[in-house]
Amino acid sequence: MTENTGNNREVTSKTNFIHQQVEKDLAEGKNNGRVLTRFPPEPNGYLHIGHAKSICLNFGIAQKYGGLTNLRFDDTNPEKEEDEYVRSIMEDVRWLGFDWGDRLYYASDFFQHLYDFALKLIREGKAYVDDQDAETISEQKGTPTRPGIESPYRSRSVEENLMLFEGMKNGDYDEGSRVLRAKIDMASPNMHMRDPILYRIMKTPHHRTGDKWVIYPLYDFAHGQCDYWEGITHSVCTLEFEVHRPLYDWFVDQLQDSDYRPRQIEFARLNLSYTIMSKRKLLELVKDGYVKGWDDPRMPTISGMRRRGYTPLSIRNFADRIGVTKVEGMSDVSLLEHSVREDLNKIARRVMGVLDPLKVVITNFPEGVTEDMEAINNPENPDDGTRMVPFTREIYIERDDFMEEPPSKFFRLAPGREVRLRYAYFVKCTEVVKDDSGRITEVHCTYDPASRGGNSPDGRKVKSTLHWVSATESIKAEVRLYDRLFTVEDPAGQKERDFKDFLNPESLVVLPECFIEPSVKEAEPLSHFQFERLGYFCVDPDSVAGKPVFNRTVPLKDAWSKEKGKSS
């Protein structure tokens, strides 16, 4: 099965065990043949690549089986949630190519429903108000091998519990002084069934409801019921919620008044090498200034990847390639980078840019003359056509493309050696100019006028082709070379040291004075380019007129070895 992702490009969706479960439910006629999934982020941070996998999975299931997907914000903790995060999540989901239509929900939409449901549980003797503090409640829960101890408040009457719960709702009690708990089974082998907390007192204004509520439901209580009220058929979540499923089903059992019921299905979360996936730790990097915000191109956030130049299709292809399993593992970031290169190779326009410039003076080329050389925009797509690149007497090449005393396997420019300039001419080095310190400042060459376009009229061959830009017609730009943020494959797994100890000091190298051919002058922010021989780059939003900034998205090839990571 394929999905259209825009621009006539498609991504293939593999069948997985969740698809098989959906197909089984459809074959059995469950939920009247409906498929309705949901993506339920908590608005307490920016989405990262792990969330992208979940987005692709949930929306992909609905697309595959002719269903729909809701976007629902799990906004039950006002201390950590902000409208900024809500807006960023919406932008990220849309950017990835998905649309929830008019099916936008918030857990806060259901606060009254959840309160009424809690009252129902109290009236049925299935919930009670507990006056103990969180630490005492936790200790009384016991261990997986030792039953819990019942709260001394577990036997309160329905009338007393209703009165106390109303007092909680009215703000009559201090934070931490009372909670509402479900009355299930303190001897259950599943710790989540040992009288879980449903409501706690939090006198913090909510980003949507303001001061209306001072009690808020916990995730386990809100999640399944929101699924139920929205009509969700398949509630797909990560593997750590597998042990929560009996509680999910218990709540639905208390609420259910029809044949319909949502089904929770778990899959292994994405773990990515050289990456941190904890929102708490990512927030620490942002707040403590280790990165320049949530959209720093070194961050694994969707906004950071967008700013770095990743494409929606590359992320969707990556999510499809790694698949969906029930087994935790580590995905190699190189596969993500491969998906990025694969997509950019098809769509990125080729240009020439010089990052470490060395001036070359072509002594027999006329002064004050500019010749336009025709260059191919993208050899992978002939429909992209060509562009004209100005060629002048003075040009820049990469400094490491010249050596005064080259080793035997160095085939680029050297004294007495001839090379091809991409799309232009053959040139031959005749002189080297140095400053007082002995540093090379210029290379003088002659060119063969008969070799225009980089073709030899007499069939002679050269062993190297160099990229270049005109020294007088090119655009000066800042280039930011981004690399992996960490030096070890599993920074979160280094238990004896802080994960920040493994930050890569070379994750960002800023080159303030690079030169790019003038065809990029009007490029819009986030436009993609391949700098020939150097890698894929995009225009950073920091760019202003006359002062473009380019971010390196990925090099042309994966130059990062496991040995480099280990030695760091």
Protein backbone atom coordinates (compact mmCIF):
# COMPACT_ATOMS: atom_id res chain seq x y z
CA MET A 1 0.00 0.00 0.00
CA THR A 2 1.24 3.50 -0.76
CA GLU A 3 0.25 6.92 0.56
CA ASN A 4 0.41 10.09 -1.47
CA THR A 5 2.56 12.59 0.41
CA GLY A 6 2.35 15.52 -1.97
CA ASN A 7 4.63 16.52 -4.86
CA ASN A 8 3.71 13.20 -6.54
CA ARG A 9 5.88 11.34 -4.05
CA GLU A 10 4.79 8.28 -2.13
CA VAL A 11 5.80 6.22 0.85
CA THR A 12 5.19 2.49 1.10
CA SER A 13 3.46 1.32 4.28
CA LYS A 14 4.37 -2.15 5.56
CA THR A 15 1.89 -4.47 7.19
CA ASN A 16 2.60 -5.04 10.90
CA PHE A 17 1.02 -6.81 13.87
CA ILE A 18 -1.19 -3.80 14.62
CA HIS A 19 -2.55 -3.88 11.08
CA GLN A 20 -3.26 -7.57 11.55
CA GLN A 21 -5.23 -6.83 14.72
CA VAL A 22 -7.22 -4.11 12.97
CA GLU A 23 -7.96 -6.46 10.09
CA LYS A 24 -9.14 -9.12 12.57
CA ASP A 25 -11.48 -6.64 14.24
CA LEU A 26 -12.87 -5.56 10.89
CA ALA A 27 -13.39 -9.18 9.82
CA GLU A 28 -15.31 -9.83 13.05
CA GLY A 29 -17.47 -6.75 12.53
CA LYS A 30 -16.37 -4.99 15.70
CA ASN A 31 -17.30 -1.32 16.17
CA ASN A 32 -19.56 -1.49 13.09
CA GLY A 33 -16.52 -1.68 10.80
CA ARG A 34 -15.19 1.69 11.93
CA VAL A 35 -11.51 2.56 12.32
CA LEU A 36 -10.80 5.67 14.39
CA THR A 37 -7.33 6.23 15.87
CA ARG A 38 -5.91 9.15 17.79
CA PHE A 39 -2.62 10.89 18.43
CA PRO A 40 -2.68 12.10 22.08
CA PRO A 41 0.38 14.22 22.92
CA GLU A 42 0.82 16.01 26.23
CA PRO A 43 1.50 19.71 25.52
CA ASN A 44 4.51 19.90 27.86
CA GLY A 45 7.26 20.14 25.25
CA TYR A 46 8.00 19.93 21.55
CA LEU A 47 7.49 16.69 19.64
CA HIS A 48 10.55 14.60 18.74
CA ILE A 49 11.33 11.86 16.24
CA GLY A 50 9.76 9.24 18.54
CA HIS A 51 6.47 11.11 18.37
CA ALA A 52 6.86 11.27 14.60
CA LYS A 53 6.85 7.47 14.51
CA SER A 54 3.61 7.45 16.53
CA ILE A 55 2.05 10.11 14.31
CA CYS A 56 2.90 8.12 11.17
CA LEU A 57 1.57 4.92 12.75
CA ASN A 58 -1.75 6.33 13.98
CA PHE A 59 -2.57 8.34 10.89
CA GLY A 60 -1.21 5.55 8.68
CA ILE A 61 -3.53 2.93 10.21
CA ALA A 62 -6.55 5.15 9.56
CA GLN A 63 -5.47 5.87 5.98
CA LYS A 64 -4.81 2.21 5.28
CA TYR A 65 -8.28 1.11 6.41
CA GLY A 66 -10.39 4.05 5.29
CA GLY A 67 -10.71 5.49 8.77
CA LEU A 68 -9.97 8.77 10.54
CA THR A 69 -7.57 10.06 13.18
CA ASN A 70 -8.21 12.52 16.00
CA LEU A 71 -5.67 14.90 17.46
CA ARG A 72 -6.20 15.07 21.22
CA PHE A 73 -4.10 17.00 23.70
CA ASP A 74 -3.66 15.23 27.03
CA ASP A 75 -3.74 18.47 29.00
CA THR A 76 -4.31 17.15 32.53
CA ASN A 77 -1.23 18.70 34.18
CA PRO A 78 -1.43 22.52 34.11
CA GLU A 79 1.94 22.91 35.85
CA LYS A 80 3.83 21.76 32.73
CA GLU A 81 1.56 22.63 29.80
CA GLU A 82 1.58 25.72 27.59
CA ASP A 83 -0.20 27.05 24.51
CA GLU A 84 3.21 27.35 22.84
CA TYR A 85 3.52 23.58 22.89
CA VAL A 86 -0.01 23.15 21.54
CA ARG A 87 0.77 25.38 18.56
CA SER A 88 4.08 23.66 17.86
CA ILE A 89 2.48 20.20 17.95
CA MET A 90 -0.19 21.24 15.47
CA GLU A 91 2.46 22.67 13.16
CA ASP A 92 4.56 19.50 13.37
CA VAL A 93 1.67 17.15 12.61
CA ARG A 94 0.63 19.23 9.60
CA TRP A 95 4.22 19.53 8.39
CA LEU A 96 4.56 15.74 8.41
CA GLY A 97 1.64 15.67 5.99
CA PHE A 98 -1.30 14.68 8.20
CA ASP A 99 -4.64 16.36 8.85
CA TRP A 100 -7.09 15.73 11.68
CA GLY A 101 -9.82 17.77 9.97
CA ASP A 102 -12.41 18.95 12.50
CA ARG A 103 -11.46 16.27 15.02
CA LEU A 104 -9.39 18.36 17.43
CA TYR A 105 -9.92 17.44 21.08
CA TYR A 106 -8.45 18.17 24.49
CA ALA A 107 -8.69 16.06 27.61
CA SER A 108 -9.89 19.31 29.19
CA ASP A 109 -12.95 19.12 26.91
CA PHE A 110 -13.99 16.15 29.04
CA PHE A 111 -13.22 17.50 32.52
CA GLN A 112 -16.91 17.67 33.43
CA HIS A 113 -17.53 14.19 32.00
CA LEU A 114 -14.59 12.83 33.98
CA TYR A 115 -15.84 14.48 37.17
CA ASP A 116 -19.30 13.02 36.63
CA PHE A 117 -17.79 9.59 35.99
CA ALA A 118 -15.80 9.87 39.23
CA LEU A 119 -19.07 10.64 41.05
CA LYS A 120 -20.58 7.52 39.47
CA LEU A 121 -17.70 5.39 40.77
CA ILE A 122 -18.08 6.88 44.27
CA ARG A 123 -21.84 6.20 44.31
CA GLU A 124 -21.18 2.60 43.26
CA GLY A 125 -18.66 2.16 46.06
CA LYS A 126 -15.75 1.93 43.59
CA ALA A 127 -13.87 5.09 44.57
CA TYR A 128 -12.96 6.85 47.79
CA VAL A 129 -11.20 9.95 49.09
CA ASP A 130 -7.86 9.24 50.78
CA ASP A 131 -6.32 11.76 53.19
CA GLN A 132 -2.83 10.23 53.14
CA ASP A 133 0.13 11.89 51.47
CA ALA A 134 1.65 10.59 48.25
CA GLU A 135 4.65 9.00 49.98
CA THR A 136 2.46 6.99 52.38
CA ILE A 137 0.18 5.84 49.58
CA SER A 138 3.19 4.71 47.56
CA GLU A 139 4.62 2.75 50.49
CA GLN A 140 1.28 1.06 51.13
CA LYS A 141 1.08 -0.18 47.56
CA GLY A 142 3.67 -2.84 48.38
CA THR A 143 5.80 -4.51 45.72
CA PRO A 144 5.07 -6.81 42.78
CA THR A 145 5.73 -9.78 45.11
CA ARG A 146 4.13 -8.34 48.26
CA PRO A 147 0.45 -7.31 48.47
CA GLY A 148 -0.40 -3.75 49.33
CA ILE A 149 -1.97 -2.45 52.52
CA GLU A 150 -5.46 -1.04 52.38
CA SER A 151 -5.84 2.64 53.23
CA PRO A 152 -7.53 3.36 56.56
CA TYR A 153 -9.90 5.60 54.56
CA ARG A 154 -10.92 2.86 52.12
CA SER A 155 -14.11 2.05 54.07
CA ARG A 156 -15.49 5.57 54.12
CA SER A 157 -19.19 5.80 53.32
CA VAL A 158 -20.48 6.86 49.94
CA GLU A 159 -21.98 9.99 51.50
CA GLU A 160 -18.72 11.05 53.14
CA ASN A 161 -16.74 10.43 49.95
CA LEU A 162 -19.21 12.50 47.91
CA MET A 163 -18.97 15.34 50.41
CA LEU A 164 -15.16 15.27 50.52
CA PHE A 165 -14.81 15.01 46.75
CA GLU A 166 -17.07 18.02 46.30
CA GLY A 167 -14.90 19.87 48.81
CA MET A 168 -11.84 18.94 46.76
CA LYS A 169 -13.55 20.33 43.66
CA ASN A 170 -14.50 23.55 45.47
CA GLY A 171 -10.93 24.20 46.61
CA ASP A 172 -11.63 23.65 50.32
CA TYR A 173 -8.45 21.64 50.91
CA ASP A 174 -4.73 22.18 50.41
CA GLU A 175 -2.74 20.59 47.64
CA GLY A 176 -1.51 17.14 48.62
CA SER A 177 -3.99 16.82 51.48
CA ARG A 178 -6.48 14.54 49.69
CA VAL A 179 -6.78 12.44 46.54
CA LEU A 180 -9.53 10.37 44.99
CA ARG A 181 -8.62 6.69 44.47
CA ALA A 182 -10.36 3.84 42.68
CA LYS A 183 -11.28 0.91 44.91
CA ILE A 184 -10.06 -2.12 42.98
CA ASP A 185 -7.68 -4.67 44.51
CA MET A 186 -4.73 -3.96 46.81
CA ALA A 187 -3.57 -7.58 46.39
CA SER A 188 -3.50 -7.51 42.59
CA PRO A 189 -0.22 -8.70 41.05
CA ASN A 190 -0.49 -5.67 38.78
CA MET A 191 0.63 -2.63 40.78
CA HIS A 192 -1.49 -0.33 38.62
CA MET A 193 -4.65 -2.05 39.88
CA ARG A 194 -3.87 -1.35 43.54
CA ASP A 195 -6.36 1.46 44.11
CA PRO A 196 -4.85 3.95 41.62
CA ILE A 197 -5.21 7.69 42.15
CA LEU A 198 -7.87 9.26 39.93
CA TYR A 199 -7.78 12.94 41.01
CA ARG A 200 -5.33 15.20 42.81
CA ILE A 201 -5.65 18.81 44.02
CA MET A 202 -3.65 21.30 41.93
CA LYS A 203 -4.40 24.99 42.44
CA THR A 204 -2.71 26.00 39.21
CA PRO A 205 -4.51 27.86 36.39
CA HIS A 206 -5.05 25.71 33.30
CA HIS A 207 -4.03 27.01 29.88
CA ARG A 208 -7.59 26.46 28.59
CA THR A 209 -9.94 26.33 31.58
CA GLY A 210 -8.26 28.97 33.73
CA ASP A 211 -9.27 28.76 37.41
CA LYS A 212 -12.43 26.72 36.82
CA TRP A 213 -10.87 23.51 38.17
CA VAL A 214 -8.56 22.91 41.12
CA ILE A 215 -8.66 19.12 40.80
CA TYR A 216 -7.25 17.34 37.78
CA PRO A 217 -7.54 13.73 36.59
CA LEU A 218 -4.46 11.57 36.19
CA TYR A 219 -3.51 10.22 32.78
CA ASP A 220 -4.68 6.65 33.42
CA PHE A 221 -8.11 7.89 34.45
CA ALA A 222 -8.52 10.40 31.63
CA HIS A 223 -6.98 8.48 28.73
CA GLY A 224 -9.33 5.53 28.27
CA GLN A 225 -12.44 7.53 28.99
CA CYS A 226 -11.50 10.19 26.41
CA ASP A 227 -10.93 7.37 23.93
CA TYR A 228 -14.40 6.04 24.75
CA TRP A 229 -16.23 9.34 24.46
CA GLU A 230 -14.48 10.15 21.18
CA GLY A 231 -15.38 6.76 19.72
CA ILE A 232 -11.77 5.63 19.27
CA THR A 233 -11.55 2.03 18.06
CA HIS A 234 -7.81 1.39 18.35
CA SER A 235 -5.80 3.19 21.03
CA VAL A 236 -2.18 2.67 19.97
CA CYS A 237 0.48 3.49 22.55
CA THR A 238 4.04 2.57 23.46
CA LEU A 239 5.05 -0.61 25.23
CA GLU A 240 5.46 0.87 28.71
CA PHE A 241 1.66 1.18 28.85
CA GLU A 242 1.12 -2.55 28.39
CA VAL A 243 0.91 -3.06 32.17
CA HIS A 244 -1.63 -0.21 32.30
CA ARG A 245 -3.99 -2.02 29.91
CA PRO A 246 -5.92 -3.97 32.62
CA LEU A 247 -6.68 -0.63 34.31
CA TYR A 248 -7.65 0.89 30.95
CA ASP A 249 -10.08 -1.99 30.43
CA TRP A 250 -11.40 -1.77 34.00
CA PHE A 251 -12.38 1.86 33.55
CA VAL A 252 -14.01 1.14 30.20
CA ASP A 253 -15.94 -1.70 31.82
CA GLN A 254 -17.38 0.74 34.40
CA LEU A 255 -18.29 3.24 31.72
CA GLN A 256 -19.46 0.97 28.92
CA ASP A 257 -23.11 1.12 27.98
CA SER A 258 -22.97 -0.38 24.47
CA ASP A 259 -21.22 -3.07 22.42
CA TYR A 260 -18.60 -0.53 21.36
CA ARG A 261 -15.26 -0.44 23.21
CA PRO A 262 -11.82 0.90 22.32
CA ARG A 263 -8.89 -1.51 22.18
CA GLN A 264 -5.46 -0.56 23.52
CA ILE A 265 -2.54 -1.97 21.49
CA GLU A 266 1.10 -1.42 22.44
CA PHE A 267 4.25 -1.19 20.32
CA ALA A 268 7.93 -0.64 21.08
CA ARG A 269 8.91 3.02 21.29
CA LEU A 270 11.64 4.43 19.09
CA ASN A 271 15.14 4.55 20.57
CA LEU A 272 17.65 6.28 18.30
CA SER A 273 21.42 6.06 18.57
CA TYR A 274 23.41 9.18 19.56
CA THR A 275 20.11 10.72 20.69
CA ILE A 276 18.16 11.55 23.83
CA MET A 277 14.41 10.88 23.61
CA SER A 278 13.32 12.04 27.06
CA LYS A 279 11.34 15.29 26.96
CA ARG A 280 12.52 16.05 30.47
CA LYS A 281 16.16 15.80 29.42
CA LEU A 282 15.54 17.71 26.20
CA LEU A 283 13.93 20.47 28.25
CA GLU A 284 17.03 20.48 30.46
CA LEU A 285 19.23 21.03 27.39
CA VAL A 286 17.03 23.95 26.34
CA LYS A 287 16.69 25.64 29.73
CA ASP A 288 20.38 25.29 30.63
CA GLY A 289 21.54 26.70 27.28
CA TYR A 290 23.28 23.62 25.90
CA VAL A 291 21.26 24.14 22.71
CA LYS A 292 19.61 27.23 21.24
CA GLY A 293 15.98 26.30 21.78
CA TRP A 294 13.64 23.43 20.97
CA ASP A 295 14.20 23.97 17.24
CA ASP A 296 18.00 23.86 17.44
CA PRO A 297 19.00 21.74 14.41
CA ARG A 298 20.96 19.40 16.70
CA MET A 299 17.82 18.48 18.63
CA PRO A 300 15.80 15.35 17.72
CA THR A 301 12.64 17.46 17.77
CA ILE A 302 10.54 17.63 14.63
CA SER A 303 10.98 21.41 14.61
CA GLY A 304 14.75 21.00 14.94
CA MET A 305 14.87 18.49 12.10
CA ARG A 306 12.72 20.77 9.95
CA ARG A 307 15.11 23.67 10.57
CA ARG A 308 18.08 21.45 9.82
CA GLY A 309 16.57 20.60 6.44
CA TYR A 310 15.00 17.18 6.95
CA THR A 311 11.92 16.60 4.81
CA PRO A 312 8.55 15.18 5.89
CA LEU A 313 8.88 12.30 3.44
CA SER A 314 12.33 11.35 4.71
CA ILE A 315 10.96 11.05 8.26
CA ARG A 316 7.93 9.11 7.09
CA ASN A 317 10.12 6.77 5.06
CA PHE A 318 12.34 6.25 8.09
CA ALA A 319 9.34 5.40 10.27
CA ASP A 320 8.21 2.89 7.67
CA ARG A 321 11.65 1.31 7.34
CA ILE A 322 12.19 0.69 11.05
CA GLY A 323 8.77 -0.91 11.28
CA VAL A 324 6.58 -1.63 14.28
CA THR A 325 7.48 -4.36 16.78
CA LYS A 326 6.81 -5.51 20.33
CA VAL A 327 10.54 -5.69 21.12
CA GLU A 328 12.57 -2.77 22.45
CA GLY A 329 15.70 -1.99 20.43
CA MET A 330 17.98 0.76 19.21
CA SER A 331 17.56 2.16 15.71
CA ASP A 332 20.69 3.49 14.03
CA VAL A 333 20.56 7.22 13.35
CA SER A 334 22.47 6.46 10.13
CA LEU A 335 19.27 4.95 8.72
CA LEU A 336 17.45 8.21 9.38
CA GLU A 337 20.26 10.15 7.72
CA HIS A 338 20.15 7.75 4.77
CA SER A 339 16.43 8.44 4.36
CA VAL A 340 17.16 12.17 4.38
CA ARG A 341 19.88 11.84 1.73
CA GLU A 342 17.69 9.59 -0.38
CA ASP A 343 14.89 12.15 -0.52
CA LEU A 344 17.09 15.22 -0.88
CA ASN A 345 18.98 13.57 -3.73
CA LYS A 346 15.73 13.63 -5.68
CA ILE A 347 14.56 17.14 -4.85
CA ALA A 348 17.54 19.30 -3.85
CA ARG A 349 18.88 21.67 -6.48
CA ARG A 350 22.63 21.43 -7.03
CA VAL A 351 24.73 24.52 -6.49
CA MET A 352 28.39 25.21 -5.86
CA GLY A 353 29.67 26.65 -2.63
CA VAL A 354 33.11 26.99 -1.08
CA LEU A 355 33.37 26.68 2.69
CA ASP A 356 37.12 27.19 3.21
CA PRO A 357 38.06 29.51 0.34
CA LEU A 358 41.40 29.69 -1.39
CA LYS A 359 41.66 32.31 -4.15
CA VAL A 360 42.69 31.17 -7.62
CA VAL A 361 43.74 33.78 -10.19
CA ILE A 362 43.49 32.61 -13.79
CA THR A 363 46.21 34.78 -15.26
CA ASN A 364 45.38 34.35 -18.95
CA PHE A 365 41.65 34.98 -18.50
CA PRO A 366 40.70 38.56 -19.44
CA GLU A 367 40.14 41.01 -16.59
CA GLY A 368 36.65 42.44 -16.11
CA VAL A 369 34.99 39.68 -18.14
CA THR A 370 32.25 37.38 -16.85
CA GLU A 371 31.25 34.23 -18.70
CA ASP A 372 28.07 32.33 -17.85
CA MET A 373 28.50 28.59 -17.62
CA GLU A 374 25.49 26.31 -17.97
CA ALA A 375 25.05 23.97 -15.00
CA ILE A 376 22.58 21.15 -14.38
CA ASN A 377 20.15 21.80 -11.53
CA ASN A 378 19.50 18.17 -10.64
CA PRO A 379 20.75 15.18 -12.63
CA GLU A 380 18.11 13.03 -10.89
CA ASN A 381 15.34 15.14 -12.40
CA PRO A 382 15.95 16.46 -15.93
CA ASP A 383 12.75 18.53 -15.67
CA ASP A 384 14.54 20.81 -13.18
CA GLY A 385 16.49 22.25 -16.11
CA THR A 386 19.70 24.25 -15.91
CA ARG A 387 21.07 27.49 -14.51
CA MET A 388 23.89 29.85 -15.44
CA VAL A 389 26.91 30.18 -13.15
CA PRO A 390 29.22 33.21 -13.57
CA PHE A 391 32.90 32.49 -14.25
CA THR A 392 35.53 35.21 -13.73
CA ARG A 393 39.29 35.70 -13.66
CA GLU A 394 39.36 35.25 -9.89
CA ILE A 395 37.58 32.30 -8.32
CA TYR A 396 37.54 30.43 -5.01
CA ILE A 397 38.17 26.74 -4.54
CA GLU A 398 38.28 24.70 -1.33
CA ARG A 399 41.61 25.11 0.44
CA ASP A 400 41.98 21.34 0.84
CA ASP A 401 41.62 20.92 -2.92
CA PHE A 402 45.17 22.27 -3.31
CA MET A 403 48.47 20.94 -1.98
CA GLU A 404 51.85 22.40 -2.73
CA GLU A 405 53.60 19.08 -2.09
CA PRO A 406 50.94 16.43 -2.69
CA PRO A 407 51.27 12.76 -1.73
CA SER A 408 51.06 10.15 -4.48
CA LYS A 409 47.31 9.59 -4.22
CA PHE A 410 46.33 13.25 -4.15
CA PHE A 411 44.84 14.01 -7.58
CA ARG A 412 43.50 17.52 -7.05
CA LEU A 413 45.23 20.81 -7.86
CA ALA A 414 49.00 21.05 -7.30
CA PRO A 415 51.92 22.90 -8.94
CA GLY A 416 52.20 21.89 -12.60
CA ARG A 417 49.01 19.83 -12.44
CA GLU A 418 45.88 20.28 -14.55
CA VAL A 419 42.34 19.76 -13.23
CA ARG A 420 38.82 20.37 -14.47
CA LEU A 421 36.64 23.12 -13.00
CA ARG A 422 33.06 21.84 -12.89
CA TYR A 423 31.07 23.17 -15.90
CA ALA A 424 33.92 25.58 -16.79
CA TYR A 425 37.48 24.94 -18.02
CA PHE A 426 40.64 22.96 -17.54
CA VAL A 427 43.11 24.94 -15.43
CA LYS A 428 46.77 24.32 -14.65
CA CYS A 429 48.66 25.61 -11.60
CA THR A 430 51.62 27.82 -12.49
CA GLU A 431 52.44 29.70 -9.28
CA VAL A 432 51.83 29.71 -5.53
CA VAL A 433 51.61 33.00 -3.57
CA LYS A 434 52.26 33.04 0.19
CA ASP A 435 52.16 35.63 2.95
CA ASP A 436 54.99 36.43 5.37
CA SER A 437 54.04 33.50 7.60
CA GLY A 438 54.29 31.03 4.72
CA ARG A 439 50.54 30.51 4.44
CA ILE A 440 49.27 30.12 0.89
CA THR A 441 47.07 33.09 -0.02
CA GLU A 442 46.64 32.62 -3.78
CA VAL A 443 47.18 30.06 -6.49
CA HIS A 444 47.83 31.24 -10.03
CA CYS A 445 46.67 29.16 -12.95
CA THR A 446 46.21 29.29 -16.68
CA TYR A 447 43.13 27.98 -18.44
CA ASP A 448 42.55 26.25 -21.75
CA PRO A 449 39.94 28.31 -23.66
CA ALA A 450 39.18 25.28 -25.86
CA SER A 451 37.96 23.28 -22.84
CA ARG A 452 34.84 25.37 -22.17
CA GLY A 453 32.17 23.39 -20.35
CA GLY A 454 34.84 21.17 -18.84
CA ASN A 455 35.38 19.20 -22.04
CA SER A 456 38.79 18.49 -23.53
CA PRO A 457 39.01 19.14 -27.27
CA ASP A 458 41.97 16.82 -27.76
CA GLY A 459 40.84 13.94 -25.58
CA ARG A 460 43.36 14.51 -22.80
CA LYS A 461 42.21 13.36 -19.39
CA VAL A 462 42.45 14.85 -15.93
CA LYS A 463 42.03 12.95 -12.69
CA SER A 464 40.01 15.46 -10.71
CA THR A 465 37.05 17.83 -11.06
CA LEU A 466 36.77 20.69 -8.57
CA HIS A 467 33.83 22.85 -7.59
CA TRP A 468 34.38 26.62 -7.47
CA VAL A 469 32.65 29.99 -7.29
CA SER A 470 33.46 33.38 -8.73
CA ALA A 471 35.35 35.54 -6.25
CA THR A 472 33.54 38.67 -7.43
CA GLU A 473 30.04 37.38 -8.27
CA SER A 474 29.44 34.89 -5.44
CA ILE A 475 27.46 35.55 -2.27
CA LYS A 476 29.14 35.64 1.13
CA ALA A 477 27.31 33.43 3.63
CA GLU A 478 27.55 31.94 7.09
CA VAL A 479 27.49 28.14 7.10
CA ARG A 480 26.67 26.07 10.17
CA LEU A 481 28.01 22.54 10.14
CA TYR A 482 25.82 20.38 12.37
CA ASP A 483 26.82 16.97 13.62
CA ARG A 484 25.42 14.49 16.12
CA LEU A 485 24.68 15.98 19.52
CA PHE A 486 26.26 13.13 21.49
CA THR A 487 29.49 11.16 21.15
CA VAL A 488 28.13 7.80 22.38
CA GLU A 489 25.40 5.64 20.92
CA ASP A 490 23.30 5.52 24.09
CA PRO A 491 23.85 8.67 26.17
CA ALA A 492 20.81 7.89 28.34
CA GLY A 493 22.20 4.45 29.12
CA GLN A 494 25.42 5.72 30.73
CA LYS A 495 24.14 5.15 34.26
CA GLU A 496 27.26 6.22 36.17
CA ARG A 497 27.58 9.60 34.47
CA ASP A 498 25.34 12.51 33.54
CA PHE A 499 24.10 12.30 29.96
CA LYS A 500 25.38 15.84 29.34
CA ASP A 501 28.95 14.57 29.86
CA PHE A 502 28.67 13.03 26.41
CA LEU A 503 27.65 16.15 24.49
CA ASN A 504 29.65 16.44 21.28
CA PRO A 505 31.80 19.63 21.41
CA GLU A 506 31.88 19.60 17.59
CA SER A 507 28.12 19.25 17.14
CA LEU A 508 28.09 22.80 15.75
CA VAL A 509 30.93 24.44 13.84
CA VAL A 510 30.18 27.93 12.46
CA LEU A 511 32.00 29.05 9.31
CA PRO A 512 31.39 32.82 9.09
CA GLU A 513 32.88 33.51 5.65
CA CYS A 514 31.85 31.07 2.93
CA PHE A 515 30.99 31.81 -0.67
CA ILE A 516 28.01 30.43 -2.61
CA GLU A 517 27.09 30.89 -6.26
CA PRO A 518 24.62 33.77 -6.80
CA SER A 519 21.69 31.57 -7.89
CA VAL A 520 20.80 31.10 -4.20
CA LYS A 521 20.39 34.83 -3.61
CA GLU A 522 16.58 34.79 -3.44
CA ALA A 523 16.20 31.37 -1.82
CA GLU A 524 13.45 31.14 0.77
CA PRO A 525 14.10 29.88 4.32
CA LEU A 526 14.22 26.07 4.51
CA SER A 527 14.97 25.76 0.78
CA HIS A 528 17.05 22.65 0.10
CA PHE A 529 20.32 22.52 -1.83
CA GLN A 530 23.09 20.10 -2.50
CA PHE A 531 26.43 21.89 -2.35
CA GLU A 532 28.32 19.81 -4.88
CA ARG A 533 30.90 17.51 -3.27
CA LEU A 534 30.08 18.90 0.20
CA GLY A 535 26.64 17.77 1.33
CA TYR A 536 23.02 18.84 1.65
CA PHE A 537 22.21 22.25 3.07
CA CYS A 538 19.16 24.40 3.70
CA VAL A 539 18.56 28.10 4.23
CA ASP A 540 18.17 28.89 7.93
CA PRO A 541 15.34 31.21 9.07
CA ASP A 542 18.03 33.42 10.66
CA SER A 543 18.94 34.58 7.16
CA VAL A 544 18.36 38.22 6.26
CA ALA A 545 18.71 40.05 2.98
CA GLY A 546 22.34 40.04 1.93
CA LYS A 547 23.37 37.79 4.84
CA PRO A 548 22.22 34.23 4.12
CA VAL A 549 22.81 31.45 6.64
CA PHE A 550 22.99 27.82 5.54
CA ASN A 551 22.63 24.77 7.75
CA ARG A 552 24.28 21.52 6.76
CA THR A 553 21.52 18.94 6.81
CA VAL A 554 23.69 15.86 6.21
CA PRO A 555 27.00 15.19 4.45
CA LEU A 556 26.87 13.41 1.10
CA LYS A 557 27.99 10.20 2.79
CA ASP A 558 27.96 8.86 6.32
CA ALA A 559 31.43 9.70 7.58
CA TRP A 560 30.65 8.81 11.20
CA SER A 561 32.11 5.47 12.22
CA LYS A 562 31.50 3.48 15.37
CA GLU A 563 35.18 3.89 16.12
CA LYS A 564 34.74 7.67 16.17
CA GLY A 565 31.88 7.36 18.58
CA LYS A 566 33.79 5.03 20.88
CA SER A 567 36.97 7.06 20.87
CA SER A 568 35.15 10.25 21.74
